[in-house]
Amino acid sequence: MTKQALIEHTVAIMNKLPEDKAAEIARFANLLMESNNKLSQVSDQLQKMRELLTRQLNELNVKRDATHLTEAPTFHIKA
Protein backbone atom coordinates (compact mmCIF):
# COMPACT_ATOMS: atom_id res chain seq x y z
CA MET A 1 0.00 0.00 0.00
CA THR A 2 1.44 3.36 -1.00
CA LYS A 3 1.67 6.25 1.42
CA GLN A 4 -1.12 8.09 -0.39
CA ALA A 5 -3.37 5.01 -0.35
CA LEU A 6 -2.70 4.55 3.35
CA ILE A 7 -3.65 8.17 4.04
CA GLU A 8 -6.84 7.86 2.00
CA HIS A 9 -7.75 4.60 3.75
CA THR A 10 -7.13 6.15 7.18
CA VAL A 11 -9.23 9.23 6.35
CA ALA A 12 -12.07 7.00 5.14
CA ILE A 13 -12.01 5.04 8.40
CA MET A 14 -11.80 8.21 10.50
CA ASN A 15 -14.83 9.64 8.69
CA LYS A 16 -16.89 6.61 9.76
CA LEU A 17 -16.06 7.06 13.45
CA PRO A 18 -18.09 9.16 15.86
CA GLU A 19 -16.68 12.70 16.01
CA ASP A 20 -15.34 12.42 19.56
CA LYS A 21 -13.47 9.20 18.79
CA ALA A 22 -12.05 10.62 15.57
CA ALA A 23 -10.88 13.72 17.45
CA GLU A 24 -9.24 11.58 20.13
CA ILE A 25 -7.42 9.52 17.51
CA ALA A 26 -6.37 12.68 15.66
CA ARG A 27 -4.93 14.16 18.88
CA PHE A 28 -3.02 10.95 19.52
CA ALA A 29 -1.71 10.91 15.93
CA ASN A 30 -0.56 14.53 16.30
CA LEU A 31 1.19 13.65 19.55
CA LEU A 32 2.98 10.78 17.82
CA MET A 33 4.06 13.04 14.94
CA GLU A 34 5.32 15.72 17.35
CA SER A 35 7.25 13.11 19.32
CA ASN A 36 8.73 11.73 16.11
CA ASN A 37 9.81 15.23 15.03
CA LYS A 38 11.45 15.87 18.41
CA LEU A 39 13.25 12.53 18.27
CA SER A 40 14.44 13.33 14.77
CA GLN A 41 15.81 16.68 15.95
CA VAL A 42 17.60 15.03 18.88
CA SER A 43 19.00 12.40 16.54
CA ASP A 44 20.29 15.12 14.19
CA GLN A 45 21.89 16.97 17.10
CA LEU A 46 23.54 13.79 18.37
CA GLN A 47 24.91 13.08 14.89
CA LYS A 48 26.38 16.60 14.69
CA MET A 49 27.94 16.18 18.14
CA ARG A 50 29.38 12.82 17.12
CA GLU A 51 30.90 14.34 13.98
CA LEU A 52 32.38 17.21 15.99
CA LEU A 53 33.83 14.87 18.62
CA THR A 54 35.28 12.62 15.93
CA ARG A 55 36.90 15.61 14.23
CA GLN A 56 38.34 16.85 17.54
CA LEU A 57 39.62 13.39 18.43
CA ASN A 58 41.31 13.11 15.05
CA GLU A 59 42.97 16.50 15.59
CA LEU A 60 44.19 15.41 19.02
CA ASN A 61 45.57 12.20 17.57
CA VAL A 62 47.46 14.14 14.90
CA LYS A 63 48.90 16.48 17.55
CA ARG A 64 49.83 13.53 19.76
CA ASP A 65 51.53 11.75 16.87
CA ALA A 66 53.45 14.92 15.96
CA THR A 67 54.53 15.35 19.59
CA HIS A 68 55.71 11.76 19.81
CA LEU A 69 57.74 12.20 16.64
CA THR A 70 59.49 15.30 17.98
CA GLU A 71 60.15 13.64 21.33
CA ALA A 72 61.48 10.43 19.82
CA PRO A 73 65.03 9.55 20.78
CA THR A 74 67.75 10.31 18.26
CA PHE A 75 70.12 7.50 17.37
CA HIS A 76 73.61 8.31 16.16
CA ILE A 77 75.40 5.72 14.12
CA LYS A 78 79.18 5.82 14.34
CA ALA A 79 81.01 4.95 11.21
PDB file of N, CA and C in Angstrom:
ATOM      1  N   MET A   1       0.856  -1.179   0.000  1.00  0.00           N
ATOM      2  CA  MET A   1       0.000   0.000   0.000  1.00  0.00           C
ATOM      3  C   MET A   1       0.900   1.240   0.000  1.00  0.00           C
ATOM      4  N   THR A   2       0.630   2.141  -0.930  1.00  0.00           N
ATOM      5  CA  THR A   2       1.435   3.362  -1.002  1.00  0.00           C
ATOM      6  C   THR A   2       1.072   4.296   0.144  1.00  0.00           C
ATOM      7  N   LYS A   3       1.918   5.279   0.350  1.00  0.00           N
ATOM      8  CA  LYS A   3       1.672   6.247   1.420  1.00  0.00           C
ATOM      9  C   LYS A   3       0.351   6.973   1.182  1.00  0.00           C
ATOM     10  N   GLN A   4       0.116   7.377  -0.066  1.00  0.00           N
ATOM     11  CA  GLN A   4      -1.119   8.094  -0.393  1.00  0.00           C
ATOM     12  C   GLN A   4      -2.338   7.203  -0.155  1.00  0.00           C
ATOM     13  N   ALA A   5      -2.260   5.941  -0.555  1.00  0.00           N
ATOM     14  CA  ALA A   5      -3.371   5.009  -0.355  1.00  0.00           C
ATOM     15  C   ALA A   5      -3.623   4.795   1.131  1.00  0.00           C
ATOM     16  N   LEU A   6      -2.561   4.720   1.902  1.00  0.00           N
ATOM     17  CA  LEU A   6      -2.698   4.550   3.350  1.00  0.00           C
ATOM     18  C   LEU A   6      -3.393   5.756   3.973  1.00  0.00           C
ATOM     19  N   ILE A   7      -3.008   6.950   3.531  1.00  0.00           N
ATOM     20  CA  ILE A   7      -3.648   8.173   4.040  1.00  0.00           C
ATOM     21  C   ILE A   7      -5.131   8.181   3.688  1.00  0.00           C
ATOM     22  N   GLU A   8      -5.440   7.872   2.439  1.00  0.00           N
ATOM     23  CA  GLU A   8      -6.844   7.859   2.004  1.00  0.00           C
ATOM     24  C   GLU A   8      -7.647   6.825   2.781  1.00  0.00           C
ATOM     25  N   HIS A   9      -7.072   5.664   2.997  1.00  0.00           N
ATOM     26  CA  HIS A   9      -7.748   4.603   3.749  1.00  0.00           C
ATOM     27  C   HIS A   9      -7.993   5.044   5.195  1.00  0.00           C
ATOM     28  N   THR A  10      -6.999   5.669   5.798  1.00  0.00           N
ATOM     29  CA  THR A  10      -7.128   6.152   7.176  1.00  0.00           C
ATOM     30  C   THR A  10      -8.204   7.223   7.281  1.00  0.00           C
ATOM     31  N   VAL A  11      -8.214   8.163   6.338  1.00  0.00           N
ATOM     32  CA  VAL A  11      -9.230   9.227   6.346  1.00  0.00           C
ATOM     33  C   VAL A  11     -10.621   8.626   6.198  1.00  0.00           C
ATOM     34  N   ALA A  12     -10.770   7.644   5.330  1.00  0.00           N
ATOM     35  CA  ALA A  12     -12.074   7.003   5.135  1.00  0.00           C
ATOM     36  C   ALA A  12     -12.550   6.341   6.426  1.00  0.00           C
ATOM     37  N   ILE A  13     -11.650   5.679   7.122  1.00  0.00           N
ATOM     38  CA  ILE A  13     -12.012   5.036   8.395  1.00  0.00           C
ATOM     39  C   ILE A  13     -12.355   6.087   9.442  1.00  0.00           C
ATOM     40  N   MET A  14     -11.549   7.142   9.517  1.00  0.00           N
ATOM     41  CA  MET A  14     -11.796   8.209  10.497  1.00  0.00           C
ATOM     42  C   MET A  14     -13.152   8.865  10.262  1.00  0.00           C
ATOM     43  N   ASN A  15     -13.545   9.016   9.008  1.00  0.00           N
ATOM     44  CA  ASN A  15     -14.833   9.639   8.689  1.00  0.00           C
ATOM     45  C   ASN A  15     -16.013   8.795   9.145  1.00  0.00           C
ATOM     46  N   LYS A  16     -15.813   7.498   9.317  1.00  0.00           N
ATOM     47  CA  LYS A  16     -16.890   6.607   9.758  1.00  0.00           C
ATOM     48  C   LYS A  16     -17.032   6.586  11.282  1.00  0.00           C
ATOM     49  N   LEU A  17     -16.036   7.080  11.985  1.00  0.00           N
ATOM     50  CA  LEU A  17     -16.064   7.062  13.450  1.00  0.00           C
ATOM     51  C   LEU A  17     -16.907   8.209  13.994  1.00  0.00           C
ATOM     52  N   PRO A  18     -17.428   8.026  15.213  1.00  0.00           N
ATOM     53  CA  PRO A  18     -18.086   9.163  15.863  1.00  0.00           C
ATOM     54  C   PRO A  18     -17.073  10.303  16.026  1.00  0.00           C
ATOM     55  N   GLU A  19     -17.561  11.532  16.009  1.00  0.00           N
ATOM     56  CA  GLU A  19     -16.681  12.703  16.011  1.00  0.00           C
ATOM     57  C   GLU A  19     -15.726  12.729  17.198  1.00  0.00           C
ATOM     58  N   ASP A  20     -16.215  12.367  18.388  1.00  0.00           N
ATOM     59  CA  ASP A  20     -15.342  12.419  19.564  1.00  0.00           C
ATOM     60  C   ASP A  20     -14.213  11.394  19.480  1.00  0.00           C
ATOM     61  N   LYS A  21     -14.513  10.227  18.942  1.00  0.00           N
ATOM     62  CA  LYS A  21     -13.472   9.198  18.791  1.00  0.00           C
ATOM     63  C   LYS A  21     -12.460   9.610  17.725  1.00  0.00           C
ATOM     64  N   ALA A  22     -12.945  10.167  16.637  1.00  0.00           N
ATOM     65  CA  ALA A  22     -12.050  10.621  15.571  1.00  0.00           C
ATOM     66  C   ALA A  22     -11.130  11.726  16.090  1.00  0.00           C
ATOM     67  N   ALA A  23     -11.681  12.633  16.886  1.00  0.00           N
ATOM     68  CA  ALA A  23     -10.879  13.724  17.446  1.00  0.00           C
ATOM     69  C   ALA A  23      -9.818  13.176  18.403  1.00  0.00           C
ATOM     70  N   GLU A  24     -10.194  12.181  19.189  1.00  0.00           N
ATOM     71  CA  GLU A  24      -9.245  11.575  20.126  1.00  0.00           C
ATOM     72  C   GLU A  24      -8.097  10.897  19.374  1.00  0.00           C
ATOM     73  N   ILE A  25      -8.447  10.185  18.321  1.00  0.00           N
ATOM     74  CA  ILE A  25      -7.425   9.517  17.511  1.00  0.00           C
ATOM     75  C   ILE A  25      -6.541  10.553  16.819  1.00  0.00           C
ATOM     76  N   ALA A  26      -7.135  11.628  16.332  1.00  0.00           N
ATOM     77  CA  ALA A  26      -6.369  12.683  15.662  1.00  0.00           C
ATOM     78  C   ALA A  26      -5.390  13.338  16.640  1.00  0.00           C
ATOM     79  N   ARG A  27      -5.830  13.578  17.869  1.00  0.00           N
ATOM     80  CA  ARG A  27      -4.933  14.160  18.880  1.00  0.00           C
ATOM     81  C   ARG A  27      -3.756  13.221  19.164  1.00  0.00           C
ATOM     82  N   PHE A  28      -4.070  11.939  19.267  1.00  0.00           N
ATOM     83  CA  PHE A  28      -3.022  10.953  19.518  1.00  0.00           C
ATOM     84  C   PHE A  28      -2.043  10.892  18.338  1.00  0.00           C
ATOM     85  N   ALA A  29      -2.565  10.925  17.128  1.00  0.00           N
ATOM     86  CA  ALA A  29      -1.707  10.905  15.934  1.00  0.00           C
ATOM     87  C   ALA A  29      -0.811  12.142  15.903  1.00  0.00           C
ATOM     88  N   ASN A  30      -1.367  13.297  16.255  1.00  0.00           N
ATOM     89  CA  ASN A  30      -0.565  14.526  16.303  1.00  0.00           C
ATOM     90  C   ASN A  30       0.539  14.422  17.355  1.00  0.00           C
ATOM     91  N   LEU A  31       0.195  13.848  18.500  1.00  0.00           N
ATOM     92  CA  LEU A  31       1.188  13.649  19.553  1.00  0.00           C
ATOM     93  C   LEU A  31       2.324  12.749  19.060  1.00  0.00           C
ATOM     94  N   LEU A  32       1.958  11.679  18.361  1.00  0.00           N
ATOM     95  CA  LEU A  32       2.978  10.782  17.815  1.00  0.00           C
ATOM     96  C   LEU A  32       3.873  11.499  16.807  1.00  0.00           C
ATOM     97  N   MET A  33       3.278  12.311  15.945  1.00  0.00           N
ATOM     98  CA  MET A  33       4.065  13.040  14.942  1.00  0.00           C
ATOM     99  C   MET A  33       4.986  14.063  15.603  1.00  0.00           C
ATOM    100  N   GLU A  34       4.486  14.760  16.623  1.00  0.00           N
ATOM    101  CA  GLU A  34       5.324  15.722  17.347  1.00  0.00           C
ATOM    102  C   GLU A  34       6.488  15.016  18.037  1.00  0.00           C
ATOM    103  N   SER A  35       6.195  13.882  18.647  1.00  0.00           N
ATOM    104  CA  SER A  35       7.250  13.112  19.317  1.00  0.00           C
ATOM    105  C   SER A  35       8.286  12.638  18.309  1.00  0.00           C
ATOM    106  N   ASN A  36       7.821  12.185  17.160  1.00  0.00           N
ATOM    107  CA  ASN A  36       8.731  11.731  16.111  1.00  0.00           C
ATOM    108  C   ASN A  36       9.616  12.880  15.627  1.00  0.00           C
ATOM    109  N   ASN A  37       9.029  14.064  15.464  1.00  0.00           N
ATOM    110  CA  ASN A  37       9.807  15.231  15.035  1.00  0.00           C
ATOM    111  C   ASN A  37      10.875  15.593  16.067  1.00  0.00           C
ATOM    112  N   LYS A  38      10.491  15.555  17.351  1.00  0.00           N
ATOM    113  CA  LYS A  38      11.454  15.869  18.410  1.00  0.00           C
ATOM    114  C   LYS A  38      12.582  14.843  18.439  1.00  0.00           C
ATOM    115  N   LEU A  39      12.229  13.569  18.292  1.00  0.00           N
ATOM    116  CA  LEU A  39      13.254  12.528  18.273  1.00  0.00           C
ATOM    117  C   LEU A  39      14.185  12.703  17.080  1.00  0.00           C
ATOM    118  N   SER A  40      13.629  13.086  15.964  1.00  0.00           N
ATOM    119  CA  SER A  40      14.438  13.325  14.768  1.00  0.00           C
ATOM    120  C   SER A  40      15.413  14.479  14.997  1.00  0.00           C
ATOM    121  N   GLN A  41      14.939  15.538  15.649  1.00  0.00           N
ATOM    122  CA  GLN A  41      15.810  16.678  15.954  1.00  0.00           C
ATOM    123  C   GLN A  41      16.933  16.270  16.904  1.00  0.00           C
ATOM    124  N   VAL A  42      16.588  15.498  17.924  1.00  0.00           N
ATOM    125  CA  VAL A  42      17.601  15.032  18.880  1.00  0.00           C
ATOM    126  C   VAL A  42      18.613  14.140  18.164  1.00  0.00           C
ATOM    127  N   SER A  43      18.119  13.280  17.301  1.00  0.00           N
ATOM    128  CA  SER A  43      19.004  12.402  16.542  1.00  0.00           C
ATOM    129  C   SER A  43      19.960  13.215  15.670  1.00  0.00           C
ATOM    130  N   ASP A  44      19.442  14.243  15.015  1.00  0.00           N
ATOM    131  CA  ASP A  44      20.289  15.116  14.192  1.00  0.00           C
ATOM    132  C   ASP A  44      21.349  15.814  15.044  1.00  0.00           C
ATOM    133  N   GLN A  45      20.944  16.299  16.213  1.00  0.00           N
ATOM    134  CA  GLN A  45      21.891  16.975  17.104  1.00  0.00           C
ATOM    135  C   GLN A  45      22.971  16.010  17.590  1.00  0.00           C
ATOM    136  N   LEU A  46      22.566  14.791  17.925  1.00  0.00           N
ATOM    137  CA  LEU A  46      23.540  13.793  18.370  1.00  0.00           C
ATOM    138  C   LEU A  46      24.524  13.459  17.250  1.00  0.00           C
ATOM    139  N   GLN A  47      24.033  13.368  16.026  1.00  0.00           N
ATOM    140  CA  GLN A  47      24.909  13.084  14.889  1.00  0.00           C
ATOM    141  C   GLN A  47      25.924  14.210  14.700  1.00  0.00           C
ATOM    142  N   LYS A  48      25.466  15.457  14.821  1.00  0.00           N
ATOM    143  CA  LYS A  48      26.377  16.603  14.690  1.00  0.00           C
ATOM    144  C   LYS A  48      27.427  16.581  15.797  1.00  0.00           C
ATOM    145  N   MET A  49      26.998  16.256  17.023  1.00  0.00           N
ATOM    146  CA  MET A  49      27.938  16.182  18.141  1.00  0.00           C
ATOM    147  C   MET A  49      28.958  15.071  17.902  1.00  0.00           C
ATOM    148  N   ARG A  50      28.495  13.944  17.401  1.00  0.00           N
ATOM    149  CA  ARG A  50      29.384  12.816  17.115  1.00  0.00           C
ATOM    150  C   ARG A  50      30.424  13.216  16.074  1.00  0.00           C
ATOM    151  N   GLU A  51      29.973  13.895  15.021  1.00  0.00           N
ATOM    152  CA  GLU A  51      30.898  14.339  13.980  1.00  0.00           C
ATOM    153  C   GLU A  51      31.928  15.320  14.546  1.00  0.00           C
ATOM    154  N   LEU A  52      31.469  16.242  15.383  1.00  0.00           N
ATOM    155  CA  LEU A  52      32.376  17.213  15.994  1.00  0.00           C
ATOM    156  C   LEU A  52      33.397  16.515  16.891  1.00  0.00           C
ATOM    157  N   LEU A  53      32.926  15.594  17.724  1.00  0.00           N
ATOM    158  CA  LEU A  53      33.831  14.871  18.618  1.00  0.00           C
ATOM    159  C   LEU A  53      34.829  14.025  17.833  1.00  0.00           C
ATOM    160  N   THR A  54      34.379  13.415  16.761  1.00  0.00           N
ATOM    161  CA  THR A  54      35.278  12.621  15.926  1.00  0.00           C
ATOM    162  C   THR A  54      36.356  13.503  15.317  1.00  0.00           C
ATOM    163  N   ARG A  55      35.948  14.668  14.818  1.00  0.00           N
ATOM    164  CA  ARG A  55      36.902  15.608  14.228  1.00  0.00           C
ATOM    165  C   ARG A  55      37.925  16.066  15.278  1.00  0.00           C
ATOM    166  N   GLN A  56      37.434  16.395  16.476  1.00  0.00           N
ATOM    167  CA  GLN A  56      38.335  16.846  17.541  1.00  0.00           C
ATOM    168  C   GLN A  56      39.287  15.732  17.972  1.00  0.00           C
ATOM    169  N   LEU A  57      38.775  14.517  18.061  1.00  0.00           N
ATOM    170  CA  LEU A  57      39.621  13.385  18.431  1.00  0.00           C
ATOM    171  C   LEU A  57      40.701  13.153  17.376  1.00  0.00           C
ATOM    172  N   ASN A  58      40.319  13.265  16.118  1.00  0.00           N
ATOM    173  CA  ASN A  58      41.310  13.111  15.048  1.00  0.00           C
ATOM    174  C   ASN A  58      42.390  14.182  15.141  1.00  0.00           C
ATOM    175  N   GLU A  59      41.992  15.419  15.434  1.00  0.00           N
ATOM    176  CA  GLU A  59      42.968  16.503  15.588  1.00  0.00           C
ATOM    177  C   GLU A  59      43.908  16.229  16.761  1.00  0.00           C
ATOM    178  N   LEU A  60      43.350  15.745  17.866  1.00  0.00           N
ATOM    179  CA  LEU A  60      44.189  15.413  19.025  1.00  0.00           C
ATOM    180  C   LEU A  60      45.160  14.286  18.695  1.00  0.00           C
ATOM    181  N   ASN A  61      44.696  13.308  17.953  1.00  0.00           N
ATOM    182  CA  ASN A  61      45.572  12.199  17.567  1.00  0.00           C
ATOM    183  C   ASN A  61      46.715  12.681  16.683  1.00  0.00           C
ATOM    184  N   VAL A  62      46.411  13.592  15.768  1.00  0.00           N
ATOM    185  CA  VAL A  62      47.456  14.143  14.902  1.00  0.00           C
ATOM    186  C   VAL A  62      48.473  14.904  15.747  1.00  0.00           C
ATOM    187  N   LYS A  63      47.993  15.725  16.682  1.00  0.00           N
ATOM    188  CA  LYS A  63      48.904  16.479  17.551  1.00  0.00           C
ATOM    189  C   LYS A  63      49.744  15.537  18.409  1.00  0.00           C
ATOM    190  N   ARG A  64      49.114  14.496  18.927  1.00  0.00           N
ATOM    191  CA  ARG A  64      49.835  13.527  19.761  1.00  0.00           C
ATOM    192  C   ARG A  64      50.913  12.829  18.942  1.00  0.00           C
ATOM    193  N   ASP A  65      50.554  12.422  17.725  1.00  0.00           N
ATOM    194  CA  ASP A  65      51.530  11.754  16.869  1.00  0.00           C
ATOM    195  C   ASP A  65      52.692  12.687  16.543  1.00  0.00           C
ATOM    196  N   ALA A  66      52.398  13.953  16.268  1.00  0.00           N
ATOM    197  CA  ALA A  66      53.453  14.921  15.963  1.00  0.00           C
ATOM    198  C   ALA A  66      54.347  15.129  17.178  1.00  0.00           C
ATOM    199  N   THR A  67      53.756  15.177  18.362  1.00  0.00           N
ATOM    200  CA  THR A  67      54.528  15.353  19.595  1.00  0.00           C
ATOM    201  C   THR A  67      55.431  14.150  19.827  1.00  0.00           C
ATOM    202  N   HIS A  68      54.899  12.965  19.611  1.00  0.00           N
ATOM    203  CA  HIS A  68      55.707  11.760  19.811  1.00  0.00           C
ATOM    204  C   HIS A  68      56.868  11.712  18.829  1.00  0.00           C
ATOM    205  N   LEU A  69      56.652  12.192  17.624  1.00  0.00           N
ATOM    206  CA  LEU A  69      57.736  12.199  16.642  1.00  0.00           C
ATOM    207  C   LEU A  69      58.840  13.166  17.040  1.00  0.00           C
ATOM    208  N   THR A  70      58.466  14.311  17.590  1.00  0.00           N
ATOM    209  CA  THR A  70      59.487  15.296  17.976  1.00  0.00           C
ATOM    210  C   THR A  70      60.199  14.891  19.254  1.00  0.00           C
ATOM    211  N   GLU A  71      59.544  14.075  20.072  1.00  0.00           N
ATOM    212  CA  GLU A  71      60.151  13.641  21.329  1.00  0.00           C
ATOM    213  C   GLU A  71      60.867  12.302  21.197  1.00  0.00           C
ATOM    214  N   ALA A  72      60.865  11.739  20.017  1.00  0.00           N
ATOM    215  CA  ALA A  72      61.483  10.427  19.823  1.00  0.00           C
ATOM    216  C   ALA A  72      62.993  10.534  20.023  1.00  0.00           C
ATOM    217  N   PRO A  73      63.585   9.506  20.569  1.00  0.00           N
ATOM    218  CA  PRO A  73      65.034   9.546  20.780  1.00  0.00           C
ATOM    219  C   PRO A  73      65.775   9.583  19.436  1.00  0.00           C
ATOM    220  N   THR A  74      66.919  10.218  19.462  1.00  0.00           N
ATOM    221  CA  THR A  74      67.745  10.307  18.264  1.00  0.00           C
ATOM    222  C   THR A  74      68.882   9.300  18.388  1.00  0.00           C
ATOM    223  N   PHE A  75      69.057   8.504  17.368  1.00  0.00           N
ATOM    224  CA  PHE A  75      70.120   7.500  17.375  1.00  0.00           C
ATOM    225  C   PHE A  75      71.237   7.975  16.456  1.00  0.00           C
ATOM    226  N   HIS A  76      72.448   7.922  16.957  1.00  0.00           N
ATOM    227  CA  HIS A  76      73.611   8.313  16.160  1.00  0.00           C
ATOM    228  C   HIS A  76      74.392   7.050  15.815  1.00  0.00           C
ATOM    229  N   ILE A  77      74.636   6.889  14.565  1.00  0.00           N
ATOM    230  CA  ILE A  77      75.400   5.719  14.120  1.00  0.00           C
ATOM    231  C   ILE A  77      76.834   6.162  13.862  1.00  0.00           C
ATOM    232  N   LYS A  78      77.757   5.491  14.522  1.00  0.00           N
ATOM    233  CA  LYS A  78      79.178   5.819  14.343  1.00  0.00           C
ATOM    234  C   LYS A  78      79.735   4.982  13.203  1.00  0.00           C
ATOM    235  N   ALA A  79      80.445   5.648  12.354  1.00  0.00           N
ATOM    236  CA  ALA A  79      81.015   4.945  11.207  1.00  0.00           C
ATOM    237  C   ALA A  79      82.362   4.368  11.517  1.00  0.00           C
TER     238      ALA A  79
END
